[in-house]
Amino acid sequence: MKIVGLFPYIKRTRVADVTLELIAILKDAGYEVMLETKNAQELGCEDLGYPLQEMLDRIELGIALGGDGTLLQAARFLRRRQTPVFGVNLGHMGFLTEIDDQDIGEAVRRLQAGEFYLEDRIMVEARVQRNGKAGEPLVGLNDIVIAKGASPRMLRMEIRIDGHLTAAFAADGLIVATPTGSTAYSLSAGGPVLEPRLHVLMLTPICAHSVFARPLVVGRDAKIEIGFISLPSEAMLTADGQEGVRLQEGDIISCYAAPQPTRLVRFQERSFYDLLRERFRDI
């Protein structure tokens, strides 16, 4: 792992300063550093800037500097080549990030010494079937969300799993979450917390108008199909709350475990349950 790509969220306070510090540490340790062109320009490091796709094709390790959202975006960028990634927490929650900013020097030392391991996390993928054609996939490390948008009307949907009608109800939306995403939006909607290394998906209704609509956990090989009896005009399908498409009448959504996982760099064994208690203690 001698070529490192940095993914900083420069708009966040202190990210630029920490990124410049990390660049200096990596260079001193003999690593080649790459940035997307626009980030390199903002940091005054034009010589490190490359078009995003060239950067993604060359790097052997990704480091996201910001909050959990920054890591989620980097994970989607890096999934096709399964490039390992870890996050430096400069945000609020930092549930997914591996280290805090004061630990970047020690993290580089551990990279050099090979004192780390890789942990695979399942991702979720969705495609919109429209007029008999499948659209481009949306992929999330946390979740795929169907939401009604600003409309006061509820979604009326039917859910089939492996071709079998499983549920039909009205709701404000539906979350298809990974175990990693079980502590995000799904948790707020009443879903259970899942151990993040599990290879399952979870369906969590959002404000369902039904006594029987409850979260449902399915195996990673399950094929989920969501159709609509009625669909508000502002309904959206989104991945990790960051990219999405507007839905139309007649759309059918296919949802399943993505073929490639996210590969997270871990520097030390730590209990998920300790982290859960620590991060949610003051919320």
C-alpha atoms as a PDB file:
ATOM      1  CA  MET A   1       0.000   0.000   0.000  1.00  0.00           C
ATOM      2  CA  LYS A   2       2.389   2.691  -1.184  1.00  0.00           C
ATOM      3  CA  ILE A   3      -0.068   4.905  -3.106  1.00  0.00           C
ATOM      4  CA  VAL A   4      -2.578   6.626  -0.831  1.00  0.00           C
ATOM      5  CA  GLY A   5      -5.636   8.607  -1.926  1.00  0.00           C
ATOM      6  CA  LEU A   6      -7.023  11.246   0.436  1.00  0.00           C
ATOM      7  CA  PHE A   7     -10.729  12.130   0.528  1.00  0.00           C
ATOM      8  CA  PRO A   8     -11.072  15.256   2.695  1.00  0.00           C
ATOM      9  CA  TYR A   9     -14.320  17.118   3.374  1.00  0.00           C
ATOM     10  CA  ILE A  10     -12.586  20.475   3.231  1.00  0.00           C
ATOM     11  CA  LYS A  11     -15.681  22.505   4.126  1.00  0.00           C
ATOM     12  CA  ARG A  12     -15.541  21.122   7.655  1.00  0.00           C
ATOM     13  CA  THR A  13     -13.536  23.033  10.254  1.00  0.00           C
ATOM     14  CA  ARG A  14      -9.906  21.889  10.661  1.00  0.00           C
ATOM     15  CA  VAL A  15     -10.063  19.294   7.868  1.00  0.00           C
ATOM     16  CA  ALA A  16      -7.740  21.289   5.586  1.00  0.00           C
ATOM     17  CA  ASP A  17      -5.111  21.680   8.320  1.00  0.00           C
ATOM     18  CA  VAL A  18      -5.233  18.011   9.310  1.00  0.00           C
ATOM     19  CA  THR A  19      -5.079  16.928   5.657  1.00  0.00           C
ATOM     20  CA  LEU A  20      -1.932  19.003   5.071  1.00  0.00           C
ATOM     21  CA  GLU A  21      -0.391  17.522   8.213  1.00  0.00           C
ATOM     22  CA  LEU A  22      -1.233  13.996   7.028  1.00  0.00           C
ATOM     23  CA  ILE A  23       0.237  14.668   3.582  1.00  0.00           C
ATOM     24  CA  ALA A  24       3.535  15.676   5.193  1.00  0.00           C
ATOM     25  CA  ILE A  25       3.577  12.568   7.429  1.00  0.00           C
ATOM     26  CA  LEU A  26       2.798  10.238   4.495  1.00  0.00           C
ATOM     27  CA  LYS A  27       5.481  11.793   2.286  1.00  0.00           C
ATOM     28  CA  ASP A  28       8.083  11.524   5.047  1.00  0.00           C
ATOM     29  CA  ALA A  29       7.158   7.840   5.371  1.00  0.00           C
ATOM     30  CA  GLY A  30       7.731   7.251   1.644  1.00  0.00           C
ATOM     31  CA  TYR A  31       4.125   7.123   0.438  1.00  0.00           C
ATOM     32  CA  GLU A  32       2.877   8.629  -2.813  1.00  0.00           C
ATOM     33  CA  VAL A  33      -0.164  10.836  -2.106  1.00  0.00           C
ATOM     34  CA  MET A  34      -3.004  11.565  -4.518  1.00  0.00           C
ATOM     35  CA  LEU A  35      -5.940  13.979  -4.246  1.00  0.00           C
ATOM     36  CA  GLU A  36      -8.850  14.731  -6.523  1.00  0.00           C
ATOM     37  CA  THR A  37      -7.974  17.829  -8.579  1.00  0.00           C
ATOM     38  CA  LYS A  38     -10.464  20.196  -6.925  1.00  0.00           C
ATOM     39  CA  ASN A  39      -9.324  19.213  -3.415  1.00  0.00           C
ATOM     40  CA  ALA A  40      -5.671  19.591  -4.362  1.00  0.00           C
ATOM     41  CA  GLN A  41      -6.355  23.092  -5.652  1.00  0.00           C
ATOM     42  CA  GLU A  42      -8.181  24.131  -2.482  1.00  0.00           C
ATOM     43  CA  LEU A  43      -5.291  22.855  -0.368  1.00  0.00           C
ATOM     44  CA  GLY A  44      -2.627  24.526  -2.518  1.00  0.00           C
ATOM     45  CA  CYS A  45      -1.189  21.128  -3.500  1.00  0.00           C
ATOM     46  CA  GLU A  46      -1.804  21.241  -7.248  1.00  0.00           C
ATOM     47  CA  ASP A  47       1.043  18.799  -7.913  1.00  0.00           C
ATOM     48  CA  LEU A  48      -0.910  16.077  -6.035  1.00  0.00           C
ATOM     49  CA  GLY A  49      -4.147  16.594  -7.986  1.00  0.00           C
ATOM     50  CA  TYR A  50      -5.573  14.047 -10.448  1.00  0.00           C
ATOM     51  CA  PRO A  51      -8.907  13.389 -12.152  1.00  0.00           C
ATOM     52  CA  LEU A  52     -11.055  11.292  -9.806  1.00  0.00           C
ATOM     53  CA  GLN A  53     -11.159   8.168 -11.987  1.00  0.00           C
ATOM     54  CA  GLU A  54      -7.384   8.125 -12.500  1.00  0.00           C
ATOM     55  CA  MET A  55      -6.948   8.488  -8.768  1.00  0.00           C
ATOM     56  CA  LEU A  56      -9.359   5.626  -8.058  1.00  0.00           C
ATOM     57  CA  ASP A  57      -7.589   3.379 -10.575  1.00  0.00           C
ATOM     58  CA  ARG A  58      -4.150   3.920  -9.029  1.00  0.00           C
ATOM     59  CA  ILE A  59      -4.503   4.178  -5.266  1.00  0.00           C
ATOM     60  CA  GLU A  60      -3.958   1.177  -2.991  1.00  0.00           C
ATOM     61  CA  LEU A  61      -5.461   2.755   0.136  1.00  0.00           C
ATOM     62  CA  GLY A  62      -8.054   5.444   0.778  1.00  0.00           C
ATOM     63  CA  ILE A  63      -8.207   7.764   3.803  1.00  0.00           C
ATOM     64  CA  ALA A  64     -11.370   9.812   4.403  1.00  0.00           C
ATOM     65  CA  LEU A  65     -11.014  12.938   6.536  1.00  0.00           C
ATOM     66  CA  GLY A  66     -14.243  14.327   7.944  1.00  0.00           C
ATOM     67  CA  GLY A  67     -17.213  12.546   9.482  1.00  0.00           C
ATOM     68  CA  ASP A  68     -19.124   9.361   8.757  1.00  0.00           C
ATOM     69  CA  GLY A  69     -20.628  10.910   5.619  1.00  0.00           C
ATOM     70  CA  THR A  70     -17.159  11.446   4.158  1.00  0.00           C
ATOM     71  CA  LEU A  71     -16.313   7.784   4.736  1.00  0.00           C
ATOM     72  CA  LEU A  72     -19.619   6.660   3.196  1.00  0.00           C
ATOM     73  CA  GLN A  73     -18.862   8.603   0.026  1.00  0.00           C
ATOM     74  CA  ALA A  74     -15.302   7.256  -0.163  1.00  0.00           C
ATOM     75  CA  ALA A  75     -16.592   3.702   0.318  1.00  0.00           C
ATOM     76  CA  ARG A  76     -18.865   4.071  -2.715  1.00  0.00           C
ATOM     77  CA  PHE A  77     -15.978   5.434  -4.803  1.00  0.00           C
ATOM     78  CA  LEU A  78     -13.651   2.592  -3.807  1.00  0.00           C
ATOM     79  CA  ARG A  79     -16.004  -0.387  -3.892  1.00  0.00           C
ATOM     80  CA  ARG A  80     -15.398  -1.538  -7.490  1.00  0.00           C
ATOM     81  CA  ARG A  81     -11.697  -2.207  -6.940  1.00  0.00           C
ATOM     82  CA  GLN A  82     -12.252  -3.120  -3.269  1.00  0.00           C
ATOM     83  CA  THR A  83      -9.583  -0.628  -2.242  1.00  0.00           C
ATOM     84  CA  PRO A  84      -9.232  -0.587   1.566  1.00  0.00           C
ATOM     85  CA  VAL A  85     -10.253   2.602   3.358  1.00  0.00           C
ATOM     86  CA  PHE A  86     -10.341   4.088   6.832  1.00  0.00           C
ATOM     87  CA  GLY A  87     -11.657   7.342   8.250  1.00  0.00           C
ATOM     88  CA  VAL A  88     -10.166  10.120  10.369  1.00  0.00           C
ATOM     89  CA  ASN A  89     -12.894  11.541  12.590  1.00  0.00           C
ATOM     90  CA  LEU A  90     -13.312  15.294  12.364  1.00  0.00           C
ATOM     91  CA  GLY A  91     -17.095  15.199  12.554  1.00  0.00           C
ATOM     92  CA  HIS A  92     -19.795  14.756  15.189  1.00  0.00           C
ATOM     93  CA  MET A  93     -20.530  11.048  15.568  1.00  0.00           C
ATOM     94  CA  GLY A  94     -17.532   9.270  14.068  1.00  0.00           C
ATOM     95  CA  PHE A  95     -19.198   5.886  14.401  1.00  0.00           C
ATOM     96  CA  LEU A  96     -17.569   4.493  11.259  1.00  0.00           C
ATOM     97  CA  THR A  97     -14.238   6.289  11.367  1.00  0.00           C
ATOM     98  CA  GLU A  98     -11.215   4.441  12.716  1.00  0.00           C
ATOM     99  CA  ILE A  99      -9.059   7.138  14.355  1.00  0.00           C
ATOM    100  CA  ASP A 100      -9.197  10.699  15.669  1.00  0.00           C
ATOM    101  CA  ASP A 101      -7.026  13.390  14.111  1.00  0.00           C
ATOM    102  CA  GLN A 102      -4.420  13.326  16.887  1.00  0.00           C
ATOM    103  CA  ASP A 103      -3.674   9.685  15.984  1.00  0.00           C
ATOM    104  CA  ILE A 104      -2.690  10.144  12.317  1.00  0.00           C
ATOM    105  CA  GLY A 105       1.050   9.799  12.983  1.00  0.00           C
ATOM    106  CA  GLU A 106       0.568   6.526  14.853  1.00  0.00           C
ATOM    107  CA  ALA A 107      -1.772   5.261  12.114  1.00  0.00           C
ATOM    108  CA  VAL A 108       0.885   5.827   9.435  1.00  0.00           C
ATOM    109  CA  ARG A 109       3.455   4.046  11.595  1.00  0.00           C
ATOM    110  CA  ARG A 110       1.129   1.062  11.891  1.00  0.00           C
ATOM    111  CA  LEU A 111       0.525   1.034   8.141  1.00  0.00           C
ATOM    112  CA  GLN A 112       4.278   0.875   7.573  1.00  0.00           C
ATOM    113  CA  ALA A 113       4.677  -1.918  10.111  1.00  0.00           C
ATOM    114  CA  GLY A 114       1.733  -3.919   8.764  1.00  0.00           C
ATOM    115  CA  GLU A 115      -0.010  -3.642  12.136  1.00  0.00           C
ATOM    116  CA  PHE A 116      -3.563  -3.639  10.811  1.00  0.00           C
ATOM    117  CA  TYR A 117      -6.200  -5.971   9.417  1.00  0.00           C
ATOM    118  CA  LEU A 118      -9.052  -5.659   6.940  1.00  0.00           C
ATOM    119  CA  GLU A 119     -12.728  -6.034   7.821  1.00  0.00           C
ATOM    120  CA  ASP A 120     -15.282  -6.568   5.059  1.00  0.00           C
ATOM    121  CA  ARG A 121     -18.657  -4.844   5.379  1.00  0.00           C
ATOM    122  CA  ILE A 122     -21.611  -5.792   3.210  1.00  0.00           C
ATOM    123  CA  MET A 123     -23.073  -3.063   0.958  1.00  0.00           C
ATOM    124  CA  VAL A 124     -26.599  -2.772  -0.432  1.00  0.00           C
ATOM    125  CA  GLU A 125     -27.437  -2.118  -4.088  1.00  0.00           C
ATOM    126  CA  ALA A 126     -30.676  -1.065  -5.778  1.00  0.00           C
ATOM    127  CA  ARG A 127     -31.863  -0.589  -9.358  1.00  0.00           C
ATOM    128  CA  VAL A 128     -35.032   1.049 -10.609  1.00  0.00           C
ATOM    129  CA  GLN A 129     -36.902  -1.022 -13.211  1.00  0.00           C
ATOM    130  CA  ARG A 130     -38.662   1.493 -15.476  1.00  0.00           C
ATOM    131  CA  ASN A 131     -40.536   0.659 -18.673  1.00  0.00           C
ATOM    132  CA  GLY A 132     -38.926  -2.763 -18.723  1.00  0.00           C
ATOM    133  CA  LYS A 133     -35.367  -1.407 -18.411  1.00  0.00           C
ATOM    134  CA  ALA A 134     -33.034  -1.463 -15.416  1.00  0.00           C
ATOM    135  CA  GLY A 135     -31.420   1.827 -14.424  1.00  0.00           C
ATOM    136  CA  GLU A 136     -27.929   2.427 -13.113  1.00  0.00           C
ATOM    137  CA  PRO A 137     -27.273   0.914  -9.677  1.00  0.00           C
ATOM    138  CA  LEU A 138     -27.313   2.925  -6.478  1.00  0.00           C
ATOM    139  CA  VAL A 139     -25.003   1.504  -3.824  1.00  0.00           C
ATOM    140  CA  GLY A 140     -24.773   2.288  -0.122  1.00  0.00           C
ATOM    141  CA  LEU A 141     -22.656   1.154   2.795  1.00  0.00           C
ATOM    142  CA  ASN A 142     -25.392   2.237   5.219  1.00  0.00           C
ATOM    143  CA  ASP A 143     -28.697   2.022   3.408  1.00  0.00           C
ATOM    144  CA  ILE A 144     -31.003   2.453   0.465  1.00  0.00           C
ATOM    145  CA  VAL A 145     -34.031   4.606   1.335  1.00  0.00           C
ATOM    146  CA  ILE A 146     -37.383   5.058  -0.380  1.00  0.00           C
ATOM    147  CA  ALA A 147     -39.014   8.269   0.899  1.00  0.00           C
ATOM    148  CA  LYS A 148     -42.168  10.159   0.006  1.00  0.00           C
ATOM    149  CA  GLY A 149     -40.426  13.539   0.029  1.00  0.00           C
ATOM    150  CA  ALA A 150     -42.345  16.684   0.974  1.00  0.00           C
ATOM    151  CA  SER A 151     -45.697  15.285  -0.153  1.00  0.00           C
ATOM    152  CA  PRO A 152     -48.320  14.737   2.590  1.00  0.00           C
ATOM    153  CA  ARG A 153     -49.389  11.543   0.794  1.00  0.00           C
ATOM    154  CA  MET A 154     -48.071   8.200   2.004  1.00  0.00           C
ATOM    155  CA  LEU A 155     -46.443   5.581  -0.174  1.00  0.00           C
ATOM    156  CA  ARG A 156     -48.487   2.431  -0.651  1.00  0.00           C
ATOM    157  CA  MET A 157     -46.114  -0.404  -1.410  1.00  0.00           C
ATOM    158  CA  GLU A 158     -45.853  -4.142  -1.861  1.00  0.00           C
ATOM    159  CA  ILE A 159     -42.697  -6.019  -0.895  1.00  0.00           C
ATOM    160  CA  ARG A 160     -41.713  -9.340  -2.412  1.00  0.00           C
ATOM    161  CA  ILE A 161     -38.764 -11.391  -1.253  1.00  0.00           C
ATOM    162  CA  ASP A 162     -37.471 -14.060  -3.633  1.00  0.00           C
ATOM    163  CA  GLY A 163     -40.684 -13.634  -5.610  1.00  0.00           C
ATOM    164  CA  HIS A 164     -43.026 -14.147  -2.642  1.00  0.00           C
ATOM    165  CA  LEU A 165     -45.391 -11.386  -1.497  1.00  0.00           C
ATOM    166  CA  THR A 166     -44.202 -10.609   2.034  1.00  0.00           C
ATOM    167  CA  ALA A 167     -45.862  -7.349   3.037  1.00  0.00           C
ATOM    168  CA  ALA A 168     -48.146  -4.581   1.770  1.00  0.00           C
ATOM    169  CA  PHE A 169     -48.686  -1.352   3.683  1.00  0.00           C
ATOM    170  CA  ALA A 170     -48.798   2.438   3.575  1.00  0.00           C
ATOM    171  CA  ALA A 171     -45.848   4.357   5.028  1.00  0.00           C
ATOM    172  CA  ASP A 172     -43.714   7.455   4.696  1.00  0.00           C
ATOM    173  CA  GLY A 173     -40.995   5.236   3.272  1.00  0.00           C
ATOM    174  CA  LEU A 174     -38.827   2.155   3.607  1.00  0.00           C
ATOM    175  CA  ILE A 175     -35.182   1.684   4.598  1.00  0.00           C
ATOM    176  CA  VAL A 176     -33.169  -1.277   3.322  1.00  0.00           C
ATOM    177  CA  ALA A 177     -30.182  -1.198   5.648  1.00  0.00           C
ATOM    178  CA  THR A 178     -26.964  -3.121   6.027  1.00  0.00           C
ATOM    179  CA  PRO A 179     -25.768  -4.127   9.497  1.00  0.00           C
ATOM    180  CA  THR A 180     -23.364  -1.158   9.284  1.00  0.00           C
ATOM    181  CA  GLY A 181     -26.371   1.086   8.627  1.00  0.00           C
ATOM    182  CA  SER A 182     -28.436  -0.379  11.462  1.00  0.00           C
ATOM    183  CA  THR A 183     -27.116   2.376  13.769  1.00  0.00           C
ATOM    184  CA  ALA A 184     -28.071   5.153  11.308  1.00  0.00           C
ATOM    185  CA  TYR A 185     -31.487   6.097   9.865  1.00  0.00           C
ATOM    186  CA  SER A 186     -32.915   2.627  10.480  1.00  0.00           C
ATOM    187  CA  LEU A 187     -32.280   2.975  14.217  1.00  0.00           C
ATOM    188  CA  SER A 188     -34.213   6.266  14.252  1.00  0.00           C
ATOM    189  CA  ALA A 189     -37.104   4.503  12.497  1.00  0.00           C
ATOM    190  CA  GLY A 190     -37.306   1.783  15.155  1.00  0.00           C
ATOM    191  CA  GLY A 191     -35.058  -0.853  13.608  1.00  0.00           C
ATOM    192  CA  PRO A 192     -32.815  -3.118  15.705  1.00  0.00           C
ATOM    193  CA  VAL A 193     -29.054  -2.756  16.047  1.00  0.00           C
ATOM    194  CA  LEU A 194     -27.197  -5.490  14.142  1.00  0.00           C
ATOM    195  CA  GLU A 195     -23.610  -6.611  14.655  1.00  0.00           C
ATOM    196  CA  PRO A 196     -21.884  -4.993  11.639  1.00  0.00           C
ATOM    197  CA  ARG A 197     -20.034  -8.088  10.425  1.00  0.00           C
ATOM    198  CA  LEU A 198     -23.278  -9.978   9.797  1.00  0.00           C
ATOM    199  CA  HIS A 199     -24.086 -10.720   6.150  1.00  0.00           C
ATOM    200  CA  VAL A 200     -27.767  -9.770   6.156  1.00  0.00           C
ATOM    201  CA  LEU A 201     -30.045  -6.935   5.051  1.00  0.00           C
ATOM    202  CA  MET A 202     -32.822  -5.328   7.072  1.00  0.00           C
ATOM    203  CA  LEU A 203     -36.082  -3.765   5.892  1.00  0.00           C
ATOM    204  CA  THR A 204     -37.347  -1.027   8.220  1.00  0.00           C
ATOM    205  CA  PRO A 205     -40.647   0.783   7.453  1.00  0.00           C
ATOM    206  CA  ILE A 206     -40.771   4.534   8.118  1.00  0.00           C
ATOM    207  CA  CYS A 207     -43.938   5.567  10.014  1.00  0.00           C
ATOM    208  CA  ALA A 208     -46.000   2.686   8.657  1.00  0.00           C
ATOM    209  CA  HIS A 209     -49.787   2.957   8.997  1.00  0.00           C
ATOM    210  CA  SER A 210     -50.073  -0.689  10.010  1.00  0.00           C
ATOM    211  CA  VAL A 211     -50.044  -2.721  13.194  1.00  0.00           C
ATOM    212  CA  PHE A 212     -48.115  -5.511  11.472  1.00  0.00           C
ATOM    213  CA  ALA A 213     -45.410  -3.621   9.521  1.00  0.00           C
ATOM    214  CA  ARG A 214     -42.267  -4.365  11.491  1.00  0.00           C
ATOM    215  CA  PRO A 215     -38.542  -4.508  10.643  1.00  0.00           C
ATOM    216  CA  LEU A 216     -37.549  -7.693   8.842  1.00  0.00           C
ATOM    217  CA  VAL A 217     -34.064  -9.204   8.542  1.00  0.00           C
ATOM    218  CA  VAL A 218     -33.266 -11.279   5.436  1.00  0.00           C
ATOM    219  CA  GLY A 219     -30.212 -13.219   4.266  1.00  0.00           C
ATOM    220  CA  ARG A 220     -27.618 -11.662   1.984  1.00  0.00           C
ATOM    221  CA  ASP A 221     -28.802 -13.778  -0.979  1.00  0.00           C
ATOM    222  CA  ALA A 222     -32.384 -12.513  -0.743  1.00  0.00           C
ATOM    223  CA  LYS A 223     -33.781 -10.640  -3.755  1.00  0.00           C
ATOM    224  CA  ILE A 224     -36.045  -7.822  -2.592  1.00  0.00           C
ATOM    225  CA  GLU A 225     -38.586  -6.281  -4.958  1.00  0.00           C
ATOM    226  CA  ILE A 226     -40.626  -3.202  -4.053  1.00  0.00           C
ATOM    227  CA  GLY A 227     -43.613  -2.129  -6.119  1.00  0.00           C
ATOM    228  CA  PHE A 228     -46.060   0.710  -5.552  1.00  0.00           C
ATOM    229  CA  ILE A 229     -49.842   0.857  -5.430  1.00  0.00           C
ATOM    230  CA  SER A 230     -49.639   4.647  -5.110  1.00  0.00           C
ATOM    231  CA  LEU A 231     -46.608   6.901  -5.315  1.00  0.00           C
ATOM    232  CA  PRO A 232     -46.340  10.615  -4.419  1.00  0.00           C
ATOM    233  CA  SER A 233     -44.822  12.750  -7.165  1.00  0.00           C
ATOM    234  CA  GLU A 234     -41.864  13.752  -4.980  1.00  0.00           C
ATOM    235  CA  ALA A 235     -40.868  10.219  -3.929  1.00  0.00           C
ATOM    236  CA  MET A 236     -37.135   9.511  -4.055  1.00  0.00           C
ATOM    237  CA  LEU A 237     -34.766   6.569  -3.925  1.00  0.00           C
ATOM    238  CA  THR A 238     -31.455   7.445  -2.248  1.00  0.00           C
ATOM    239  CA  ALA A 239     -28.205   5.730  -1.261  1.00  0.00           C
ATOM    240  CA  ASP A 240     -26.577   6.737   2.039  1.00  0.00           C
ATOM    241  CA  GLY A 241     -28.565   9.995   1.874  1.00  0.00           C
ATOM    242  CA  GLN A 242     -26.070  11.324  -0.679  1.00  0.00           C
ATOM    243  CA  GLU A 243     -27.182  10.365  -4.192  1.00  0.00           C
ATOM    244  CA  GLY A 244     -30.527   9.358  -5.593  1.00  0.00           C
ATOM    245  CA  VAL A 245     -33.198   9.337  -8.289  1.00  0.00           C
ATOM    246  CA  ARG A 246     -36.786  10.552  -8.370  1.00  0.00           C
ATOM    247  CA  LEU A 247     -39.337   7.750  -8.664  1.00  0.00           C
ATOM    248  CA  GLN A 248     -42.187   7.540 -11.164  1.00  0.00           C
ATOM    249  CA  GLU A 249     -45.489   5.685 -11.327  1.00  0.00           C
ATOM    250  CA  GLY A 250     -44.901   2.108 -12.479  1.00  0.00           C
ATOM    251  CA  ASP A 251     -41.346   1.899 -11.130  1.00  0.00           C
ATOM    252  CA  ILE A 252     -40.241  -1.326  -9.473  1.00  0.00           C
ATOM    253  CA  ILE A 253     -37.167  -1.343  -7.245  1.00  0.00           C
ATOM    254  CA  SER A 254     -34.884  -4.359  -7.055  1.00  0.00           C
ATOM    255  CA  CYS A 255     -32.683  -4.425  -3.968  1.00  0.00           C
ATOM    256  CA  TYR A 256     -29.981  -6.896  -2.955  1.00  0.00           C
ATOM    257  CA  ALA A 257     -26.554  -7.254  -1.372  1.00  0.00           C
ATOM    258  CA  ALA A 258     -23.911  -5.616  -3.566  1.00  0.00           C
ATOM    259  CA  PRO A 259     -21.353  -7.987  -5.099  1.00  0.00           C
ATOM    260  CA  GLN A 260     -18.404  -6.059  -3.649  1.00  0.00           C
ATOM    261  CA  PRO A 261     -18.011  -5.264   0.060  1.00  0.00           C
ATOM    262  CA  THR A 262     -16.344  -2.249   1.592  1.00  0.00           C
ATOM    263  CA  ARG A 263     -12.945  -3.172   3.022  1.00  0.00           C
ATOM    264  CA  LEU A 264     -12.267  -1.211   6.195  1.00  0.00           C
ATOM    265  CA  VAL A 265      -8.767  -0.891   7.661  1.00  0.00           C
ATOM    266  CA  ARG A 266      -8.687  -1.704  11.368  1.00  0.00           C
ATOM    267  CA  PHE A 267      -5.699  -0.944  13.589  1.00  0.00           C
ATOM    268  CA  GLN A 268      -6.896  -2.711  16.702  1.00  0.00           C
ATOM    269  CA  GLU A 269      -9.538  -5.134  17.843  1.00  0.00           C
ATOM    270  CA  ARG A 270     -12.326  -3.319  19.656  1.00  0.00           C
ATOM    271  CA  SER A 271     -15.746  -4.344  20.799  1.00  0.00           C
ATOM    272  CA  PHE A 272     -18.640  -3.094  18.673  1.00  0.00           C
ATOM    273  CA  TYR A 273     -20.732  -3.023  21.840  1.00  0.00           C
ATOM    274  CA  ASP A 274     -18.238  -0.808  23.678  1.00  0.00           C
ATOM    275  CA  LEU A 275     -18.228   1.536  20.676  1.00  0.00           C
ATOM    276  CA  LEU A 276     -22.029   1.528  20.594  1.00  0.00           C
ATOM    277  CA  ARG A 277     -22.245   2.537  24.234  1.00  0.00           C
ATOM    278  CA  GLU A 278     -19.517   5.169  23.884  1.00  0.00           C
ATOM    279  CA  ARG A 279     -20.872   6.876  20.753  1.00  0.00           C
ATOM    280  CA  PHE A 280     -24.511   6.968  21.834  1.00  0.00           C
ATOM    281  CA  ARG A 281     -23.896   7.845  25.484  1.00  0.00           C
ATOM    282  CA  ASP A 282     -24.602  11.565  25.160  1.00  0.00           C
ATOM    283  CA  ILE A 283     -27.224  11.542  22.410  1.00  0.00           C
END
